[in-house]
Amino acid sequence: MVFFPVLVNTVEGLRAAEPMQRDLMTTYAASWGQSLRKLRLPAAMPFVFNGLKIATTLALIGAIVAEFFGSPIVGMGFRISTSVGQLALDMVWAEIAVAALAGSMFYGLVALIEKRVTFWHPSQRG
């Protein structure tokens, strides 16, 4: 569920380096590995982190839905479905609030790491 958003963003990020920059690396006789390490990976980092931010929320949603349908006795999804059956709507909303808070915290953690790793990128300048 989270593999393809990260993969697509990473591949697109590896293509993000400008042709002029790639030509310059060729002019400097940089090897493929040097070009990857010094040009393409840094150019791809904002895209990779974008994919990771999407993946954090998708992973949480996927885990809850999988627990909702497949877990016999544990997990947030199981607790939500059981609480709905018991009409304990306060518990249902509490679980939803905890899930929303956890998703926001995971997203914020990845955004913080992104800010420290890609401090040089124009999207991170304040």
N, C-alpha and C. Protein backbone atom coordinates (compact mmCIF):
# COMPACT_ATOMS: atom_id res chain seq x y z
N MET A 1 0.82 -1.19 0.00
CA MET A 1 0.00 0.00 0.00
C MET A 1 0.87 1.26 0.00
N VAL A 2 1.99 1.22 0.64
CA VAL A 2 2.83 2.41 0.71
C VAL A 2 4.04 2.34 -0.21
N PHE A 3 4.26 1.20 -0.83
CA PHE A 3 5.44 1.03 -1.67
C PHE A 3 5.39 1.93 -2.91
N PHE A 4 4.26 1.92 -3.60
CA PHE A 4 4.19 2.62 -4.87
C PHE A 4 4.24 4.14 -4.75
N PRO A 5 3.60 4.77 -3.76
CA PRO A 5 3.79 6.23 -3.65
C PRO A 5 5.25 6.61 -3.44
N VAL A 6 5.96 5.83 -2.64
CA VAL A 6 7.38 6.13 -2.40
C VAL A 6 8.18 5.85 -3.67
N LEU A 7 7.90 4.75 -4.35
CA LEU A 7 8.63 4.41 -5.57
C LEU A 7 8.42 5.44 -6.66
N VAL A 8 7.18 5.82 -6.90
CA VAL A 8 6.89 6.78 -7.96
C VAL A 8 7.55 8.12 -7.67
N ASN A 9 7.46 8.58 -6.44
CA ASN A 9 8.09 9.85 -6.09
C ASN A 9 9.61 9.77 -6.19
N THR A 10 10.20 8.66 -5.80
CA THR A 10 11.65 8.52 -5.88
C THR A 10 12.12 8.50 -7.33
N VAL A 11 11.43 7.75 -8.17
CA VAL A 11 11.82 7.70 -9.59
C VAL A 11 11.68 9.07 -10.23
N GLU A 12 10.61 9.76 -9.92
CA GLU A 12 10.43 11.11 -10.46
C GLU A 12 11.51 12.06 -9.93
N GLY A 13 11.87 11.87 -8.67
CA GLY A 13 12.93 12.70 -8.09
C GLY A 13 14.28 12.44 -8.73
N LEU A 14 14.56 11.19 -9.06
CA LEU A 14 15.84 10.89 -9.71
C LEU A 14 15.92 11.50 -11.10
N ARG A 15 14.77 11.76 -11.71
CA ARG A 15 14.74 12.43 -13.00
C ARG A 15 14.70 13.95 -12.88
N ALA A 16 14.66 14.45 -11.66
CA ALA A 16 14.46 15.89 -11.45
C ALA A 16 15.69 16.73 -11.76
N ALA A 17 16.85 16.12 -11.80
CA ALA A 17 18.07 16.89 -12.11
C ALA A 17 17.96 17.43 -13.53
N GLU A 18 18.32 18.68 -13.69
CA GLU A 18 18.25 19.34 -14.99
C GLU A 18 19.24 18.73 -15.97
N PRO A 19 18.90 18.71 -17.25
CA PRO A 19 19.85 18.19 -18.25
C PRO A 19 21.19 18.94 -18.25
N MET A 20 21.15 20.23 -18.00
CA MET A 20 22.38 21.01 -17.95
C MET A 20 23.27 20.55 -16.79
N GLN A 21 22.66 20.23 -15.66
CA GLN A 21 23.43 19.74 -14.52
C GLN A 21 24.03 18.37 -14.81
N ARG A 22 23.25 17.51 -15.46
CA ARG A 22 23.79 16.19 -15.83
C ARG A 22 24.93 16.32 -16.83
N ASP A 23 24.79 17.25 -17.79
CA ASP A 23 25.87 17.49 -18.76
C ASP A 23 27.12 18.01 -18.06
N LEU A 24 26.93 18.85 -17.07
CA LEU A 24 28.08 19.37 -16.33
C LEU A 24 28.82 18.25 -15.60
N MET A 25 28.06 17.32 -15.01
CA MET A 25 28.70 16.18 -14.35
C MET A 25 29.47 15.34 -15.36
N THR A 26 28.91 15.18 -16.55
CA THR A 26 29.61 14.44 -17.61
C THR A 26 30.87 15.19 -18.04
N THR A 27 30.78 16.50 -18.13
CA THR A 27 31.94 17.31 -18.50
C THR A 27 33.06 17.18 -17.48
N TYR A 28 32.70 17.08 -16.22
CA TYR A 28 33.70 16.91 -15.15
C TYR A 28 34.18 15.46 -15.03
N ALA A 29 33.75 14.61 -15.94
CA ALA A 29 34.14 13.19 -15.98
C ALA A 29 33.72 12.45 -14.70
N ALA A 30 32.55 12.78 -14.21
CA ALA A 30 32.03 12.09 -13.03
C ALA A 30 31.51 10.72 -13.43
N SER A 31 31.78 9.75 -12.62
CA SER A 31 31.27 8.40 -12.89
C SER A 31 29.76 8.38 -12.61
N TRP A 32 29.13 7.26 -12.98
CA TRP A 32 27.70 7.11 -12.74
C TRP A 32 27.39 7.19 -11.24
N GLY A 33 28.23 6.55 -10.43
CA GLY A 33 28.04 6.58 -8.98
C GLY A 33 28.21 7.96 -8.39
N GLN A 34 29.21 8.69 -8.88
CA GLN A 34 29.41 10.06 -8.39
C GLN A 34 28.24 10.95 -8.79
N SER A 35 27.77 10.78 -10.01
CA SER A 35 26.63 11.57 -10.47
C SER A 35 25.39 11.25 -9.65
N LEU A 36 25.20 9.99 -9.33
CA LEU A 36 24.06 9.58 -8.50
C LEU A 36 24.17 10.18 -7.10
N ARG A 37 25.34 10.03 -6.50
CA ARG A 37 25.53 10.46 -5.11
C ARG A 37 25.54 11.98 -4.95
N LYS A 38 26.11 12.69 -5.90
CA LYS A 38 26.30 14.13 -5.71
C LYS A 38 25.27 14.99 -6.43
N LEU A 39 24.53 14.41 -7.37
CA LEU A 39 23.56 15.21 -8.10
C LEU A 39 22.14 14.64 -7.99
N ARG A 40 21.97 13.40 -8.40
CA ARG A 40 20.61 12.86 -8.51
C ARG A 40 19.95 12.59 -7.15
N LEU A 41 20.67 12.02 -6.20
CA LEU A 41 20.06 11.76 -4.89
C LEU A 41 19.71 13.05 -4.15
N PRO A 42 20.61 14.04 -4.11
CA PRO A 42 20.17 15.30 -3.48
C PRO A 42 18.97 15.95 -4.18
N ALA A 43 18.92 15.86 -5.51
CA ALA A 43 17.78 16.42 -6.22
C ALA A 43 16.51 15.63 -5.95
N ALA A 44 16.65 14.35 -5.64
CA ALA A 44 15.49 13.49 -5.40
C ALA A 44 14.97 13.58 -3.96
N MET A 45 15.74 14.09 -3.04
CA MET A 45 15.34 14.08 -1.63
C MET A 45 13.98 14.73 -1.36
N PRO A 46 13.67 15.91 -1.92
CA PRO A 46 12.32 16.45 -1.66
C PRO A 46 11.21 15.52 -2.15
N PHE A 47 11.44 14.84 -3.27
CA PHE A 47 10.45 13.91 -3.80
C PHE A 47 10.32 12.68 -2.90
N VAL A 48 11.44 12.18 -2.42
CA VAL A 48 11.43 11.00 -1.54
C VAL A 48 10.66 11.33 -0.26
N PHE A 49 10.93 12.49 0.30
CA PHE A 49 10.23 12.84 1.53
C PHE A 49 8.74 13.09 1.28
N ASN A 50 8.40 13.60 0.11
CA ASN A 50 6.99 13.74 -0.23
C ASN A 50 6.32 12.36 -0.25
N GLY A 51 6.98 11.37 -0.85
CA GLY A 51 6.45 10.02 -0.85
C GLY A 51 6.35 9.43 0.54
N LEU A 52 7.34 9.72 1.39
CA LEU A 52 7.31 9.21 2.77
C LEU A 52 6.17 9.85 3.57
N LYS A 53 5.92 11.13 3.35
CA LYS A 53 4.82 11.78 4.06
C LYS A 53 3.48 11.18 3.64
N ILE A 54 3.33 10.88 2.36
CA ILE A 54 2.11 10.21 1.90
C ILE A 54 2.03 8.82 2.52
N ALA A 55 3.15 8.12 2.57
CA ALA A 55 3.18 6.74 3.05
C ALA A 55 2.86 6.65 4.54
N THR A 56 3.25 7.64 5.34
CA THR A 56 2.97 7.55 6.78
C THR A 56 1.47 7.52 7.04
N THR A 57 0.73 8.38 6.36
CA THR A 57 -0.71 8.39 6.59
C THR A 57 -1.37 7.16 5.98
N LEU A 58 -0.91 6.74 4.80
CA LEU A 58 -1.49 5.54 4.19
C LEU A 58 -1.23 4.29 5.02
N ALA A 59 -0.06 4.20 5.63
CA ALA A 59 0.26 3.03 6.45
C ALA A 59 -0.67 2.95 7.66
N LEU A 60 -0.92 4.07 8.28
CA LEU A 60 -1.82 4.08 9.44
C LEU A 60 -3.24 3.69 9.02
N ILE A 61 -3.71 4.27 7.94
CA ILE A 61 -5.05 3.93 7.45
C ILE A 61 -5.13 2.45 7.08
N GLY A 62 -4.12 1.96 6.39
CA GLY A 62 -4.10 0.55 5.99
C GLY A 62 -4.08 -0.39 7.18
N ALA A 63 -3.33 -0.04 8.21
CA ALA A 63 -3.28 -0.90 9.40
C ALA A 63 -4.64 -0.94 10.10
N ILE A 64 -5.28 0.20 10.22
CA ILE A 64 -6.58 0.23 10.90
C ILE A 64 -7.62 -0.54 10.10
N VAL A 65 -7.63 -0.36 8.78
CA VAL A 65 -8.60 -1.08 7.96
C VAL A 65 -8.34 -2.59 8.01
N ALA A 66 -7.07 -2.99 7.97
CA ALA A 66 -6.75 -4.42 8.06
C ALA A 66 -7.17 -5.00 9.40
N GLU A 67 -6.98 -4.25 10.48
CA GLU A 67 -7.43 -4.72 11.79
C GLU A 67 -8.95 -4.75 11.87
N PHE A 68 -9.58 -3.83 11.19
CA PHE A 68 -11.04 -3.75 11.19
C PHE A 68 -11.64 -5.02 10.60
N PHE A 69 -11.05 -5.53 9.53
CA PHE A 69 -11.61 -6.70 8.85
C PHE A 69 -10.95 -8.02 9.26
N GLY A 70 -9.70 -7.99 9.70
CA GLY A 70 -9.01 -9.25 9.86
C GLY A 70 -8.54 -9.61 11.25
N SER A 71 -8.52 -8.70 12.17
CA SER A 71 -7.97 -9.01 13.49
C SER A 71 -9.06 -9.55 14.41
N PRO A 72 -8.81 -10.69 15.02
CA PRO A 72 -9.85 -11.28 15.87
C PRO A 72 -9.98 -10.62 17.25
N ILE A 73 -8.86 -10.13 17.82
CA ILE A 73 -8.98 -9.65 19.21
C ILE A 73 -8.15 -8.42 19.54
N VAL A 74 -7.35 -7.90 18.63
CA VAL A 74 -6.48 -6.77 18.98
C VAL A 74 -6.51 -5.71 17.89
N GLY A 75 -6.07 -4.51 18.25
CA GLY A 75 -5.89 -3.44 17.29
C GLY A 75 -6.98 -2.38 17.35
N MET A 76 -6.64 -1.23 16.77
CA MET A 76 -7.59 -0.12 16.77
C MET A 76 -8.81 -0.42 15.91
N GLY A 77 -8.61 -1.05 14.76
CA GLY A 77 -9.74 -1.39 13.91
C GLY A 77 -10.71 -2.34 14.59
N PHE A 78 -10.17 -3.33 15.29
CA PHE A 78 -11.01 -4.27 16.04
C PHE A 78 -11.77 -3.52 17.14
N ARG A 79 -11.07 -2.63 17.83
CA ARG A 79 -11.70 -1.88 18.92
C ARG A 79 -12.81 -0.97 18.40
N ILE A 80 -12.59 -0.36 17.23
CA ILE A 80 -13.62 0.49 16.63
C ILE A 80 -14.85 -0.34 16.26
N SER A 81 -14.63 -1.46 15.58
CA SER A 81 -15.78 -2.27 15.16
C SER A 81 -16.53 -2.84 16.36
N THR A 82 -15.82 -3.25 17.39
CA THR A 82 -16.46 -3.76 18.61
C THR A 82 -17.24 -2.66 19.32
N SER A 83 -16.66 -1.48 19.40
CA SER A 83 -17.33 -0.37 20.07
C SER A 83 -18.58 0.08 19.31
N VAL A 84 -18.54 0.04 17.99
CA VAL A 84 -19.73 0.38 17.21
C VAL A 84 -20.84 -0.63 17.50
N GLY A 85 -20.46 -1.91 17.59
CA GLY A 85 -21.45 -2.94 17.90
C GLY A 85 -22.07 -2.77 19.28
N GLN A 86 -21.32 -2.20 20.21
CA GLN A 86 -21.82 -1.98 21.57
C GLN A 86 -22.43 -0.59 21.74
N LEU A 87 -22.49 0.18 20.66
CA LEU A 87 -22.97 1.56 20.67
C LEU A 87 -22.18 2.44 21.63
N ALA A 88 -20.91 2.15 21.80
CA ALA A 88 -20.03 2.98 22.62
C ALA A 88 -19.35 4.00 21.71
N LEU A 89 -20.14 4.98 21.28
CA LEU A 89 -19.65 5.93 20.31
C LEU A 89 -18.54 6.84 20.86
N ASP A 90 -18.53 7.01 22.17
CA ASP A 90 -17.43 7.79 22.75
C ASP A 90 -16.09 7.09 22.54
N MET A 91 -16.08 5.77 22.65
CA MET A 91 -14.86 5.00 22.41
C MET A 91 -14.47 5.05 20.93
N VAL A 92 -15.45 5.00 20.06
CA VAL A 92 -15.18 5.07 18.62
C VAL A 92 -14.51 6.39 18.29
N TRP A 93 -15.07 7.49 18.77
CA TRP A 93 -14.49 8.80 18.49
C TRP A 93 -13.13 8.98 19.16
N ALA A 94 -12.95 8.36 20.31
CA ALA A 94 -11.64 8.42 20.97
C ALA A 94 -10.59 7.70 20.13
N GLU A 95 -10.95 6.54 19.58
CA GLU A 95 -10.02 5.80 18.72
C GLU A 95 -9.70 6.60 17.45
N ILE A 96 -10.71 7.23 16.88
CA ILE A 96 -10.49 8.04 15.68
C ILE A 96 -9.59 9.23 16.01
N ALA A 97 -9.80 9.84 17.16
CA ALA A 97 -8.96 10.96 17.57
C ALA A 97 -7.51 10.52 17.79
N VAL A 98 -7.33 9.36 18.41
CA VAL A 98 -5.98 8.84 18.62
C VAL A 98 -5.31 8.53 17.29
N ALA A 99 -6.06 7.96 16.36
CA ALA A 99 -5.51 7.66 15.04
C ALA A 99 -5.13 8.94 14.31
N ALA A 100 -5.97 9.96 14.39
CA ALA A 100 -5.67 11.24 13.74
C ALA A 100 -4.44 11.89 14.37
N LEU A 101 -4.34 11.82 15.68
CA LEU A 101 -3.18 12.38 16.37
C LEU A 101 -1.90 11.63 16.01
N ALA A 102 -1.98 10.30 15.97
CA ALA A 102 -0.81 9.51 15.60
C ALA A 102 -0.39 9.79 14.15
N GLY A 103 -1.36 9.88 13.24
CA GLY A 103 -1.04 10.20 11.85
C GLY A 103 -0.41 11.56 11.71
N SER A 104 -0.92 12.54 12.45
CA SER A 104 -0.33 13.88 12.42
C SER A 104 1.08 13.89 12.99
N MET A 105 1.31 13.11 14.04
CA MET A 105 2.64 13.06 14.63
C MET A 105 3.64 12.39 13.68
N PHE A 106 3.24 11.30 13.03
CA PHE A 106 4.13 10.64 12.07
C PHE A 106 4.45 11.58 10.91
N TYR A 107 3.43 12.26 10.39
CA TYR A 107 3.63 13.21 9.30
C TYR A 107 4.57 14.34 9.74
N GLY A 108 4.34 14.86 10.94
CA GLY A 108 5.20 15.93 11.45
C GLY A 108 6.63 15.48 11.65
N LEU A 109 6.83 14.25 12.11
CA LEU A 109 8.18 13.72 12.29
C LEU A 109 8.91 13.63 10.96
N VAL A 110 8.23 13.13 9.94
CA VAL A 110 8.86 13.04 8.62
C VAL A 110 9.13 14.44 8.07
N ALA A 111 8.20 15.38 8.28
CA ALA A 111 8.41 16.76 7.82
C ALA A 111 9.59 17.40 8.53
N LEU A 112 9.76 17.11 9.82
CA LEU A 112 10.90 17.65 10.56
C LEU A 112 12.22 17.09 10.03
N ILE A 113 12.24 15.80 9.79
CA ILE A 113 13.45 15.18 9.22
C ILE A 113 13.72 15.75 7.84
N GLU A 114 12.66 15.95 7.06
CA GLU A 114 12.83 16.55 5.73
C GLU A 114 13.44 17.94 5.82
N LYS A 115 12.98 18.72 6.76
CA LYS A 115 13.50 20.08 6.93
C LYS A 115 14.98 20.07 7.26
N ARG A 116 15.43 19.10 8.04
CA ARG A 116 16.85 19.01 8.39
C ARG A 116 17.70 18.46 7.26
N VAL A 117 17.14 17.55 6.46
CA VAL A 117 17.91 16.93 5.38
C VAL A 117 17.95 17.82 4.15
N THR A 118 16.84 18.48 3.83
CA THR A 118 16.77 19.28 2.62
C THR A 118 16.70 20.78 2.93
N PHE A 119 17.50 21.21 3.87
CA PHE A 119 17.52 22.62 4.27
C PHE A 119 17.89 23.54 3.12
N TRP A 120 18.60 23.06 2.15
CA TRP A 120 19.09 23.84 1.03
C TRP A 120 18.03 24.05 -0.05
N HIS A 121 16.98 23.25 -0.04
CA HIS A 121 15.97 23.31 -1.11
C HIS A 121 15.09 24.55 -0.95
N PRO A 122 14.70 25.18 -2.07
CA PRO A 122 13.85 26.39 -1.98
C PRO A 122 12.53 26.18 -1.24
N SER A 123 11.99 24.96 -1.26
CA SER A 123 10.72 24.71 -0.55
C SER A 123 10.88 24.77 0.97
N GLN A 124 12.11 24.68 1.46
CA GLN A 124 12.34 24.68 2.91
C GLN A 124 12.80 26.04 3.43
N ARG A 125 13.04 26.97 2.54
CA ARG A 125 13.48 28.28 2.99
C ARG A 125 12.32 29.07 3.53
N GLY A 126 12.50 29.70 4.67
CA GLY A 126 11.42 30.43 5.30
C GLY A 126 11.54 31.87 5.05
